[in-house]
Amino acid sequence: MQPLMLSPALRAVDPQPQRPRDPAPSRLSYRMHRLWLTPLYRALLRVGLPAFALAFVGGLWLVDEGRRSGLVERLTELRRDLEERPEFMVTLLTVEGASVELAAQIRAALAVELPASSFALDLEALRQKVAAMSGVAQAEVLIRPGGILALRVTERVPAIVWRGPEGLWLLDREGHRVAPIASRLDRPDLGLVAGAGAEAAVPEALALYAAAEPVAPRLRGLVRMGERRWDVVLDRGQRILLPERGAVAALERVMALALAEDMLARDVIVIDMRNQARPTLRLAPAALEELRRMRGQPAGATSG
């Protein structure tokens, strides 16, 4: 019996059956997929890589000196055109809350050249310059619509006249300088203080002026003695020497005696209240001689 012969086509057929394809991804594909799900990696590909490419291309373009100069000039021109647009220009300066004299001083001190771009104005520097002026308590600077540079000023109110080393000055209630004056007669409605350190004790001086209201027509001023205490100076050469502490209360005691016994109308030169437990009086020479004559003492004698 002859063996069975297979045709070449049949012999080419693989007798082993093929295994089905594995649906699971490969290890590399799995890792790439997990990496793509990372937010940082996705941001790097979507934003970082294009930005790096643009920066690299821009760097290559800016290597040329002429291109850089042209770009800078173009940007400068665009900025200047923007800043000088009509809606950004300041054409008027106004000063509010100040007297005519102070407003003129502010304008002269600022010396702002208008019209000017609002971008070129340093508002804080202008405010500090105005606030540093002697007659200004507070200052505010702002730009209003219509190209107006507005200065709102709170002016210091003069409360007293100070005779200092530099002449006569008006001071406010806190002792800050307001403005100089040429003569005491320019402000006769205000009290006068003098002496070293008087400008630093203005609140107490104003309280003394209020306590001396009964003798206000005779009051010539207050003198600061040794930067510690006050002397009240009246007409006819009279003085009230006040203590370092409790000056207002001591002056009120003197005013009470002046009203009750008319003490200040007598020939008294000095009323010394520095020792409030033992006030002393100093009489005028004529009154002292008369007193000694009445006591039977010889003229010119001194009492122990």
C-alpha atoms as a PDB file:
ATOM      1  CA  MET A   1       0.000   0.000   0.000  1.00  0.00           C
ATOM      2  CA  GLN A   2       1.472   3.334  -0.996  1.00  0.00           C
ATOM      3  CA  PRO A   3       1.836   6.133   1.612  1.00  0.00           C
ATOM      4  CA  LEU A   4      -0.551   9.084   1.430  1.00  0.00           C
ATOM      5  CA  MET A   5       1.120  11.996  -0.328  1.00  0.00           C
ATOM      6  CA  LEU A   6       0.143  15.628   0.620  1.00  0.00           C
ATOM      7  CA  SER A   7       0.163  18.369  -1.874  1.00  0.00           C
ATOM      8  CA  PRO A   8       2.646  21.266  -1.361  1.00  0.00           C
ATOM      9  CA  ALA A   9      -0.233  23.671  -0.526  1.00  0.00           C
ATOM     10  CA  LEU A  10      -1.389  21.472   2.286  1.00  0.00           C
ATOM     11  CA  ARG A  11       2.144  20.962   3.561  1.00  0.00           C
ATOM     12  CA  ALA A  12       2.574  24.792   3.865  1.00  0.00           C
ATOM     13  CA  VAL A  13      -0.291  25.064   6.305  1.00  0.00           C
ATOM     14  CA  ASP A  14       0.906  25.382   9.909  1.00  0.00           C
ATOM     15  CA  PRO A  15      -0.574  22.543  11.836  1.00  0.00           C
ATOM     16  CA  GLN A  16      -0.195  24.591  15.135  1.00  0.00           C
ATOM     17  CA  PRO A  17      -3.226  26.887  15.905  1.00  0.00           C
ATOM     18  CA  GLN A  18      -2.430  30.682  16.425  1.00  0.00           C
ATOM     19  CA  ARG A  19      -2.835  32.176  19.962  1.00  0.00           C
ATOM     20  CA  PRO A  20      -5.315  35.078  20.310  1.00  0.00           C
ATOM     21  CA  ARG A  21      -3.820  38.638  20.621  1.00  0.00           C
ATOM     22  CA  ASP A  22      -3.342  39.937  24.211  1.00  0.00           C
ATOM     23  CA  PRO A  23      -5.577  43.000  24.699  1.00  0.00           C
ATOM     24  CA  ALA A  24      -3.412  44.374  27.558  1.00  0.00           C
ATOM     25  CA  PRO A  25      -1.079  47.245  26.546  1.00  0.00           C
ATOM     26  CA  SER A  26       2.632  46.808  26.527  1.00  0.00           C
ATOM     27  CA  ARG A  27       4.728  47.971  29.438  1.00  0.00           C
ATOM     28  CA  LEU A  28       6.087  50.945  27.474  1.00  0.00           C
ATOM     29  CA  SER A  29       2.624  51.967  26.305  1.00  0.00           C
ATOM     30  CA  TYR A  30       1.300  51.738  29.869  1.00  0.00           C
ATOM     31  CA  ARG A  31       4.090  53.927  31.200  1.00  0.00           C
ATOM     32  CA  MET A  32       3.614  56.536  28.487  1.00  0.00           C
ATOM     33  CA  HIS A  33      -0.112  56.633  29.160  1.00  0.00           C
ATOM     34  CA  ARG A  34       0.444  57.118  32.895  1.00  0.00           C
ATOM     35  CA  LEU A  35       2.983  59.851  32.209  1.00  0.00           C
ATOM     36  CA  TRP A  36       0.548  61.663  29.951  1.00  0.00           C
ATOM     37  CA  LEU A  37      -2.012  61.686  32.753  1.00  0.00           C
ATOM     38  CA  THR A  38       0.433  63.590  35.004  1.00  0.00           C
ATOM     39  CA  PRO A  39      -0.672  67.323  35.162  1.00  0.00           C
ATOM     40  CA  LEU A  40       2.877  68.619  35.242  1.00  0.00           C
ATOM     41  CA  TYR A  41       3.903  66.603  32.194  1.00  0.00           C
ATOM     42  CA  ARG A  42       0.827  67.700  30.235  1.00  0.00           C
ATOM     43  CA  ALA A  43       1.434  71.345  31.169  1.00  0.00           C
ATOM     44  CA  LEU A  44       5.058  71.004  30.114  1.00  0.00           C
ATOM     45  CA  LEU A  45       4.094  69.681  26.684  1.00  0.00           C
ATOM     46  CA  ARG A  46       1.229  72.072  26.088  1.00  0.00           C
ATOM     47  CA  VAL A  47       2.760  75.270  27.485  1.00  0.00           C
ATOM     48  CA  GLY A  48       6.387  74.796  28.375  1.00  0.00           C
ATOM     49  CA  LEU A  49       7.551  73.302  25.096  1.00  0.00           C
ATOM     50  CA  PRO A  50       5.885  75.940  22.865  1.00  0.00           C
ATOM     51  CA  ALA A  51       7.121  78.702  25.166  1.00  0.00           C
ATOM     52  CA  PHE A  52      10.646  77.357  25.008  1.00  0.00           C
ATOM     53  CA  ALA A  53      10.441  77.165  21.232  1.00  0.00           C
ATOM     54  CA  LEU A  54       9.213  80.760  21.001  1.00  0.00           C
ATOM     55  CA  ALA A  55      11.899  81.975  23.418  1.00  0.00           C
ATOM     56  CA  PHE A  56      14.565  80.128  21.470  1.00  0.00           C
ATOM     57  CA  VAL A  57      13.411  81.596  18.167  1.00  0.00           C
ATOM     58  CA  GLY A  58      13.112  85.063  19.745  1.00  0.00           C
ATOM     59  CA  GLY A  59      16.593  84.772  21.195  1.00  0.00           C
ATOM     60  CA  LEU A  60      17.983  83.898  17.799  1.00  0.00           C
ATOM     61  CA  TRP A  61      16.152  86.881  16.310  1.00  0.00           C
ATOM     62  CA  LEU A  62      17.426  89.276  18.973  1.00  0.00           C
ATOM     63  CA  VAL A  63      21.020  88.274  18.542  1.00  0.00           C
ATOM     64  CA  ASP A  64      21.294  90.937  15.876  1.00  0.00           C
ATOM     65  CA  GLU A  65      22.157  94.361  17.400  1.00  0.00           C
ATOM     66  CA  GLY A  66      20.152  96.272  14.816  1.00  0.00           C
ATOM     67  CA  ARG A  67      17.019  94.273  15.505  1.00  0.00           C
ATOM     68  CA  ARG A  68      17.356  94.866  19.248  1.00  0.00           C
ATOM     69  CA  SER A  69      17.788  98.629  18.801  1.00  0.00           C
ATOM     70  CA  GLY A  70      14.823  98.821  16.487  1.00  0.00           C
ATOM     71  CA  LEU A  71      12.640  96.882  18.916  1.00  0.00           C
ATOM     72  CA  VAL A  72      13.607  99.136  21.831  1.00  0.00           C
ATOM     73  CA  GLU A  73      12.916 102.277  19.808  1.00  0.00           C
ATOM     74  CA  ARG A  74       9.568 100.934  18.696  1.00  0.00           C
ATOM     75  CA  LEU A  75       8.514 100.042  22.247  1.00  0.00           C
ATOM     76  CA  THR A  76       9.655 103.459  23.518  1.00  0.00           C
ATOM     77  CA  GLU A  77       7.645 105.165  20.817  1.00  0.00           C
ATOM     78  CA  LEU A  78       4.551 103.114  21.591  1.00  0.00           C
ATOM     79  CA  ARG A  79       4.841 103.928  25.303  1.00  0.00           C
ATOM     80  CA  ARG A  80       5.290 107.640  24.609  1.00  0.00           C
ATOM     81  CA  ASP A  81       2.288 107.660  22.276  1.00  0.00           C
ATOM     82  CA  LEU A  82       0.210 105.948  24.963  1.00  0.00           C
ATOM     83  CA  GLU A  83       1.272 108.261  27.791  1.00  0.00           C
ATOM     84  CA  GLU A  84       0.702 111.392  25.726  1.00  0.00           C
ATOM     85  CA  ARG A  85      -2.835 110.537  24.723  1.00  0.00           C
ATOM     86  CA  PRO A  86      -5.253 113.392  25.598  1.00  0.00           C
ATOM     87  CA  GLU A  87      -7.104 111.361  28.227  1.00  0.00           C
ATOM     88  CA  PHE A  88      -3.859 110.897  30.194  1.00  0.00           C
ATOM     89  CA  MET A  89      -2.650 114.508  30.065  1.00  0.00           C
ATOM     90  CA  VAL A  90      -2.840 116.850  33.085  1.00  0.00           C
ATOM     91  CA  THR A  91      -3.410 120.477  32.155  1.00  0.00           C
ATOM     92  CA  LEU A  92      -4.613 122.216  35.339  1.00  0.00           C
ATOM     93  CA  LEU A  93      -3.474 122.455  38.988  1.00  0.00           C
ATOM     94  CA  THR A  94      -5.972 123.313  41.743  1.00  0.00           C
ATOM     95  CA  VAL A  95      -5.305 123.896  45.454  1.00  0.00           C
ATOM     96  CA  GLU A  96      -8.267 123.418  47.809  1.00  0.00           C
ATOM     97  CA  GLY A  97      -8.561 124.304  51.491  1.00  0.00           C
ATOM     98  CA  ALA A  98      -5.664 126.780  51.581  1.00  0.00           C
ATOM     99  CA  SER A  99      -5.553 130.552  51.871  1.00  0.00           C
ATOM    100  CA  VAL A 100      -4.444 132.630  48.920  1.00  0.00           C
ATOM    101  CA  GLU A 101      -0.972 133.114  50.396  1.00  0.00           C
ATOM    102  CA  LEU A 102      -0.488 129.426  51.187  1.00  0.00           C
ATOM    103  CA  ALA A 103      -1.820 128.353  47.793  1.00  0.00           C
ATOM    104  CA  ALA A 104       0.726 130.621  46.108  1.00  0.00           C
ATOM    105  CA  GLN A 105       3.502 129.114  48.240  1.00  0.00           C
ATOM    106  CA  ILE A 106       2.397 125.590  47.311  1.00  0.00           C
ATOM    107  CA  ARG A 107       2.352 126.362  43.595  1.00  0.00           C
ATOM    108  CA  ALA A 108       5.803 127.920  43.807  1.00  0.00           C
ATOM    109  CA  ALA A 109       7.209 125.001  45.808  1.00  0.00           C
ATOM    110  CA  LEU A 110       5.852 122.322  43.468  1.00  0.00           C
ATOM    111  CA  ALA A 111       6.766 124.100  40.223  1.00  0.00           C
ATOM    112  CA  VAL A 112       4.865 121.508  38.161  1.00  0.00           C
ATOM    113  CA  GLU A 113       5.184 122.154  34.434  1.00  0.00           C
ATOM    114  CA  LEU A 114       1.833 121.604  32.719  1.00  0.00           C
ATOM    115  CA  PRO A 115       0.628 120.049  30.499  1.00  0.00           C
ATOM    116  CA  ALA A 116       2.252 116.810  31.613  1.00  0.00           C
ATOM    117  CA  SER A 117       1.409 113.135  31.363  1.00  0.00           C
ATOM    118  CA  SER A 118      -0.188 111.619  34.441  1.00  0.00           C
ATOM    119  CA  PHE A 119       2.284 108.740  34.138  1.00  0.00           C
ATOM    120  CA  ALA A 120       5.172 111.187  34.625  1.00  0.00           C
ATOM    121  CA  LEU A 121       3.779 112.651  37.874  1.00  0.00           C
ATOM    122  CA  ASP A 122       4.836 111.111  41.182  1.00  0.00           C
ATOM    123  CA  LEU A 123       1.757 111.846  43.273  1.00  0.00           C
ATOM    124  CA  GLU A 124       3.237 110.537  46.527  1.00  0.00           C
ATOM    125  CA  ALA A 125       6.351 112.694  46.147  1.00  0.00           C
ATOM    126  CA  LEU A 126       4.156 115.739  45.491  1.00  0.00           C
ATOM    127  CA  ARG A 127       2.028 114.967  48.551  1.00  0.00           C
ATOM    128  CA  GLN A 128       5.059 114.608  50.818  1.00  0.00           C
ATOM    129  CA  LYS A 129       6.490 117.881  49.526  1.00  0.00           C
ATOM    130  CA  VAL A 130       3.264 119.748  50.266  1.00  0.00           C
ATOM    131  CA  ALA A 131       2.785 118.066  53.675  1.00  0.00           C
ATOM    132  CA  ALA A 132       6.296 119.147  54.701  1.00  0.00           C
ATOM    133  CA  MET A 133       5.439 122.838  54.323  1.00  0.00           C
ATOM    134  CA  SER A 134       5.109 124.736  57.594  1.00  0.00           C
ATOM    135  CA  GLY A 135       1.541 125.906  57.066  1.00  0.00           C
ATOM    136  CA  VAL A 136       0.120 122.527  56.020  1.00  0.00           C
ATOM    137  CA  ALA A 137      -1.286 120.010  58.506  1.00  0.00           C
ATOM    138  CA  GLN A 138      -2.402 117.385  55.972  1.00  0.00           C
ATOM    139  CA  ALA A 139      -2.259 117.063  52.199  1.00  0.00           C
ATOM    140  CA  GLU A 140      -3.869 114.833  49.588  1.00  0.00           C
ATOM    141  CA  VAL A 141      -3.002 114.732  45.880  1.00  0.00           C
ATOM    142  CA  LEU A 142      -5.175 113.139  43.213  1.00  0.00           C
ATOM    143  CA  ILE A 143      -5.898 113.376  39.489  1.00  0.00           C
ATOM    144  CA  ARG A 144      -9.475 114.157  38.572  1.00  0.00           C
ATOM    145  CA  PRO A 145     -11.195 113.548  35.237  1.00  0.00           C
ATOM    146  CA  GLY A 146     -10.576 116.301  32.751  1.00  0.00           C
ATOM    147  CA  GLY A 147      -6.847 116.491  33.361  1.00  0.00           C
ATOM    148  CA  ILE A 148      -6.978 118.231  36.759  1.00  0.00           C
ATOM    149  CA  LEU A 149      -4.236 117.761  39.359  1.00  0.00           C
ATOM    150  CA  ALA A 150      -6.088 118.498  42.623  1.00  0.00           C
ATOM    151  CA  LEU A 151      -4.390 119.237  45.947  1.00  0.00           C
ATOM    152  CA  ARG A 152      -6.582 119.033  49.052  1.00  0.00           C
ATOM    153  CA  VAL A 153      -4.893 120.840  51.915  1.00  0.00           C
ATOM    154  CA  THR A 154      -5.746 121.121  55.603  1.00  0.00           C
ATOM    155  CA  GLU A 155      -4.162 124.387  56.681  1.00  0.00           C
ATOM    156  CA  ARG A 156      -2.759 124.888  60.168  1.00  0.00           C
ATOM    157  CA  VAL A 157      -4.708 127.442  62.177  1.00  0.00           C
ATOM    158  CA  PRO A 158      -2.578 130.027  64.037  1.00  0.00           C
ATOM    159  CA  ALA A 159      -3.204 129.937  67.787  1.00  0.00           C
ATOM    160  CA  ILE A 160      -0.315 131.915  69.266  1.00  0.00           C
ATOM    161  CA  VAL A 161       2.655 134.133  68.357  1.00  0.00           C
ATOM    162  CA  TRP A 162       6.135 132.874  69.196  1.00  0.00           C
ATOM    163  CA  ARG A 163       9.104 135.219  69.489  1.00  0.00           C
ATOM    164  CA  GLY A 164      12.041 132.950  68.702  1.00  0.00           C
ATOM    165  CA  PRO A 165      15.623 133.266  67.528  1.00  0.00           C
ATOM    166  CA  GLU A 166      14.453 133.674  63.932  1.00  0.00           C
ATOM    167  CA  GLY A 167      11.880 136.354  64.697  1.00  0.00           C
ATOM    168  CA  LEU A 168       8.122 136.162  65.077  1.00  0.00           C
ATOM    169  CA  TRP A 169       6.282 133.029  64.021  1.00  0.00           C
ATOM    170  CA  LEU A 170       2.656 131.959  64.121  1.00  0.00           C
ATOM    171  CA  LEU A 171       2.187 128.575  65.803  1.00  0.00           C
ATOM    172  CA  ASP A 172      -0.823 126.271  65.860  1.00  0.00           C
ATOM    173  CA  ARG A 173      -2.240 124.637  68.987  1.00  0.00           C
ATOM    174  CA  GLU A 174       0.347 121.837  68.865  1.00  0.00           C
ATOM    175  CA  GLY A 175       3.284 124.201  68.471  1.00  0.00           C
ATOM    176  CA  HIS A 176       3.868 123.616  64.750  1.00  0.00           C
ATOM    177  CA  ARG A 177       5.005 126.585  62.720  1.00  0.00           C
ATOM    178  CA  VAL A 178       2.403 128.142  60.466  1.00  0.00           C
ATOM    179  CA  ALA A 179       4.014 131.241  58.963  1.00  0.00           C
ATOM    180  CA  PRO A 180       6.371 134.074  59.907  1.00  0.00           C
ATOM    181  CA  ILE A 181       5.078 137.584  60.585  1.00  0.00           C
ATOM    182  CA  ALA A 182       6.917 140.858  60.385  1.00  0.00           C
ATOM    183  CA  SER A 183       5.409 142.581  63.429  1.00  0.00           C
ATOM    184  CA  ARG A 184       3.531 141.729  66.605  1.00  0.00           C
ATOM    185  CA  LEU A 185       0.880 144.165  65.446  1.00  0.00           C
ATOM    186  CA  ASP A 186       0.072 141.858  62.533  1.00  0.00           C
ATOM    187  CA  ARG A 187      -1.764 139.509  64.941  1.00  0.00           C
ATOM    188  CA  PRO A 188      -2.739 141.429  68.094  1.00  0.00           C
ATOM    189  CA  ASP A 189      -5.614 138.979  68.606  1.00  0.00           C
ATOM    190  CA  LEU A 190      -3.225 136.156  69.512  1.00  0.00           C
ATOM    191  CA  GLY A 191      -1.195 135.684  72.672  1.00  0.00           C
ATOM    192  CA  LEU A 192       2.583 135.965  72.724  1.00  0.00           C
ATOM    193  CA  VAL A 193       5.129 133.479  74.083  1.00  0.00           C
ATOM    194  CA  ALA A 194       8.886 133.833  74.249  1.00  0.00           C
ATOM    195  CA  GLY A 195      11.912 132.156  75.745  1.00  0.00           C
ATOM    196  CA  ALA A 196      13.830 128.965  75.029  1.00  0.00           C
ATOM    197  CA  GLY A 197      11.497 125.992  74.636  1.00  0.00           C
ATOM    198  CA  ALA A 198       8.322 128.084  74.493  1.00  0.00           C
ATOM    199  CA  GLU A 199       7.280 126.581  71.149  1.00  0.00           C
ATOM    200  CA  ALA A 200       7.345 123.098  72.710  1.00  0.00           C
ATOM    201  CA  ALA A 201       4.870 124.026  75.472  1.00  0.00           C
ATOM    202  CA  VAL A 202       2.168 125.787  73.461  1.00  0.00           C
ATOM    203  CA  PRO A 203      -0.760 123.699  74.834  1.00  0.00           C
ATOM    204  CA  GLU A 204       0.116 124.727  78.404  1.00  0.00           C
ATOM    205  CA  ALA A 205       0.582 128.341  77.302  1.00  0.00           C
ATOM    206  CA  LEU A 206      -2.904 128.397  75.791  1.00  0.00           C
ATOM    207  CA  ALA A 207      -4.310 126.987  79.042  1.00  0.00           C
ATOM    208  CA  LEU A 208      -2.545 129.781  80.959  1.00  0.00           C
ATOM    209  CA  TYR A 209      -3.999 132.389  78.628  1.00  0.00           C
ATOM    210  CA  ALA A 210      -7.455 130.965  79.295  1.00  0.00           C
ATOM    211  CA  ALA A 211      -6.857 131.088  83.070  1.00  0.00           C
ATOM    212  CA  ALA A 212      -5.645 134.724  82.820  1.00  0.00           C
ATOM    213  CA  GLU A 213      -8.820 135.876  81.103  1.00  0.00           C
ATOM    214  CA  PRO A 214      -9.735 138.266  83.994  1.00  0.00           C
ATOM    215  CA  VAL A 215      -6.605 140.331  83.293  1.00  0.00           C
ATOM    216  CA  ALA A 216      -6.491 139.764  79.524  1.00  0.00           C
ATOM    217  CA  PRO A 217      -6.263 143.506  78.652  1.00  0.00           C
ATOM    218  CA  ARG A 218      -3.163 143.802  80.835  1.00  0.00           C
ATOM    219  CA  LEU A 219      -1.496 140.576  79.722  1.00  0.00           C
ATOM    220  CA  ARG A 220       1.597 141.187  77.611  1.00  0.00           C
ATOM    221  CA  GLY A 221       2.793 137.606  77.184  1.00  0.00           C
ATOM    222  CA  LEU A 222       4.325 134.484  78.667  1.00  0.00           C
ATOM    223  CA  VAL A 223       8.057 133.894  79.007  1.00  0.00           C
ATOM    224  CA  ARG A 224       9.480 130.390  79.254  1.00  0.00           C
ATOM    225  CA  MET A 225      12.143 130.261  81.962  1.00  0.00           C
ATOM    226  CA  GLY A 226      14.874 127.634  81.752  1.00  0.00           C
ATOM    227  CA  GLU A 227      12.670 125.503  79.481  1.00  0.00           C
ATOM    228  CA  ARG A 228      10.881 124.419  82.710  1.00  0.00           C
ATOM    229  CA  ARG A 229       8.282 126.944  83.778  1.00  0.00           C
ATOM    230  CA  TRP A 230       6.455 130.181  82.839  1.00  0.00           C
ATOM    231  CA  ASP A 231       6.466 133.820  83.894  1.00  0.00           C
ATOM    232  CA  VAL A 232       3.279 135.759  83.227  1.00  0.00           C
ATOM    233  CA  VAL A 233       4.166 139.297  82.150  1.00  0.00           C
ATOM    234  CA  LEU A 234       1.639 142.082  82.771  1.00  0.00           C
ATOM    235  CA  ASP A 235       1.788 145.774  82.066  1.00  0.00           C
ATOM    236  CA  ARG A 236       3.257 148.171  84.660  1.00  0.00           C
ATOM    237  CA  GLY A 237       6.209 145.778  84.975  1.00  0.00           C
ATOM    238  CA  GLN A 238       4.332 143.159  86.964  1.00  0.00           C
ATOM    239  CA  ARG A 239       5.230 139.476  86.785  1.00  0.00           C
ATOM    240  CA  ILE A 240       3.667 136.283  88.102  1.00  0.00           C
ATOM    241  CA  LEU A 241       6.245 133.550  88.611  1.00  0.00           C
ATOM    242  CA  LEU A 242       4.579 130.181  88.124  1.00  0.00           C
ATOM    243  CA  PRO A 243       5.835 126.782  89.335  1.00  0.00           C
ATOM    244  CA  GLU A 244       7.152 124.036  87.111  1.00  0.00           C
ATOM    245  CA  ARG A 245       4.195 121.801  87.983  1.00  0.00           C
ATOM    246  CA  GLY A 246       0.611 122.936  88.424  1.00  0.00           C
ATOM    247  CA  ALA A 247       1.148 126.247  86.662  1.00  0.00           C
ATOM    248  CA  VAL A 248      -2.484 126.604  85.595  1.00  0.00           C
ATOM    249  CA  ALA A 249      -3.809 125.959  89.111  1.00  0.00           C
ATOM    250  CA  ALA A 250      -1.320 128.461  90.584  1.00  0.00           C
ATOM    251  CA  LEU A 251      -2.369 131.138  88.113  1.00  0.00           C
ATOM    252  CA  GLU A 252      -6.040 130.489  88.876  1.00  0.00           C
ATOM    253  CA  ARG A 253      -5.264 131.145  92.581  1.00  0.00           C
ATOM    254  CA  VAL A 254      -3.671 134.467  91.675  1.00  0.00           C
ATOM    255  CA  MET A 255      -6.671 135.386  89.530  1.00  0.00           C
ATOM    256  CA  ALA A 256      -9.002 134.574  92.428  1.00  0.00           C
ATOM    257  CA  LEU A 257      -6.996 136.897  94.708  1.00  0.00           C
ATOM    258  CA  ALA A 258      -6.954 139.549  92.028  1.00  0.00           C
ATOM    259  CA  LEU A 259     -10.728 139.474  91.813  1.00  0.00           C
ATOM    260  CA  ALA A 260     -11.339 139.222  95.567  1.00  0.00           C
ATOM    261  CA  GLU A 261      -8.749 141.666  96.920  1.00  0.00           C
ATOM    262  CA  ASP A 262      -7.718 143.586  93.803  1.00  0.00           C
ATOM    263  CA  MET A 263      -4.155 142.503  94.497  1.00  0.00           C
ATOM    264  CA  LEU A 264      -2.804 143.198  91.009  1.00  0.00           C
ATOM    265  CA  ALA A 265      -3.996 146.811  91.232  1.00  0.00           C
ATOM    266  CA  ARG A 266      -1.561 147.463  94.087  1.00  0.00           C
ATOM    267  CA  ASP A 267       2.132 148.334  93.931  1.00  0.00           C
ATOM    268  CA  VAL A 268       3.217 144.722  93.526  1.00  0.00           C
ATOM    269  CA  ILE A 269       6.048 143.955  91.117  1.00  0.00           C
ATOM    270  CA  VAL A 270       6.345 140.190  91.501  1.00  0.00           C
ATOM    271  CA  ILE A 271       3.971 137.495  92.711  1.00  0.00           C
ATOM    272  CA  ASP A 272       6.092 134.410  93.258  1.00  0.00           C
ATOM    273  CA  MET A 273       4.038 131.203  93.169  1.00  0.00           C
ATOM    274  CA  ARG A 274       6.929 128.820  92.636  1.00  0.00           C
ATOM    275  CA  ASN A 275       6.485 127.561  96.191  1.00  0.00           C
ATOM    276  CA  GLN A 276       2.718 127.210  96.366  1.00  0.00           C
ATOM    277  CA  ALA A 277       2.845 126.462 100.072  1.00  0.00           C
ATOM    278  CA  ARG A 278       4.386 129.891 100.645  1.00  0.00           C
ATOM    279  CA  PRO A 279       3.598 132.471  97.950  1.00  0.00           C
ATOM    280  CA  THR A 280       5.603 135.696  98.218  1.00  0.00           C
ATOM    281  CA  LEU A 281       5.124 139.249  97.002  1.00  0.00           C
ATOM    282  CA  ARG A 282       7.696 141.785  95.947  1.00  0.00           C
ATOM    283  CA  LEU A 283       6.574 145.394  96.274  1.00  0.00           C
ATOM    284  CA  ALA A 284       7.598 148.349  94.195  1.00  0.00           C
ATOM    285  CA  PRO A 285      10.385 150.508  95.746  1.00  0.00           C
ATOM    286  CA  ALA A 286       8.021 153.385  96.518  1.00  0.00           C
ATOM    287  CA  ALA A 287       5.482 151.092  98.155  1.00  0.00           C
ATOM    288  CA  LEU A 288       8.214 149.353 100.128  1.00  0.00           C
ATOM    289  CA  GLU A 289       9.517 152.692 101.464  1.00  0.00           C
ATOM    290  CA  GLU A 290       6.015 153.719 102.410  1.00  0.00           C
ATOM    291  CA  LEU A 291       5.471 150.455 104.208  1.00  0.00           C
ATOM    292  CA  ARG A 292       8.709 150.863 106.129  1.00  0.00           C
ATOM    293  CA  ARG A 293       7.812 154.426 107.019  1.00  0.00           C
ATOM    294  CA  MET A 294       4.528 153.250 108.399  1.00  0.00           C
ATOM    295  CA  ARG A 295       6.348 150.653 110.492  1.00  0.00           C
ATOM    296  CA  GLY A 296       8.780 153.238 111.774  1.00  0.00           C
ATOM    297  CA  GLN A 297      11.869 151.889 109.984  1.00  0.00           C
ATOM    298  CA  PRO A 298      14.421 154.299 108.542  1.00  0.00           C
ATOM    299  CA  ALA A 299      14.379 154.773 104.782  1.00  0.00           C
ATOM    300  CA  GLY A 300      16.707 152.419 102.963  1.00  0.00           C
ATOM    301  CA  ALA A 301      16.713 149.856 105.774  1.00  0.00           C
ATOM    302  CA  THR A 302      16.124 146.258 104.856  1.00  0.00           C
ATOM    303  CA  SER A 303      14.046 143.833 106.847  1.00  0.00           C
ATOM    304  CA  GLY A 304      15.316 140.406 107.796  1.00  0.00           C
END
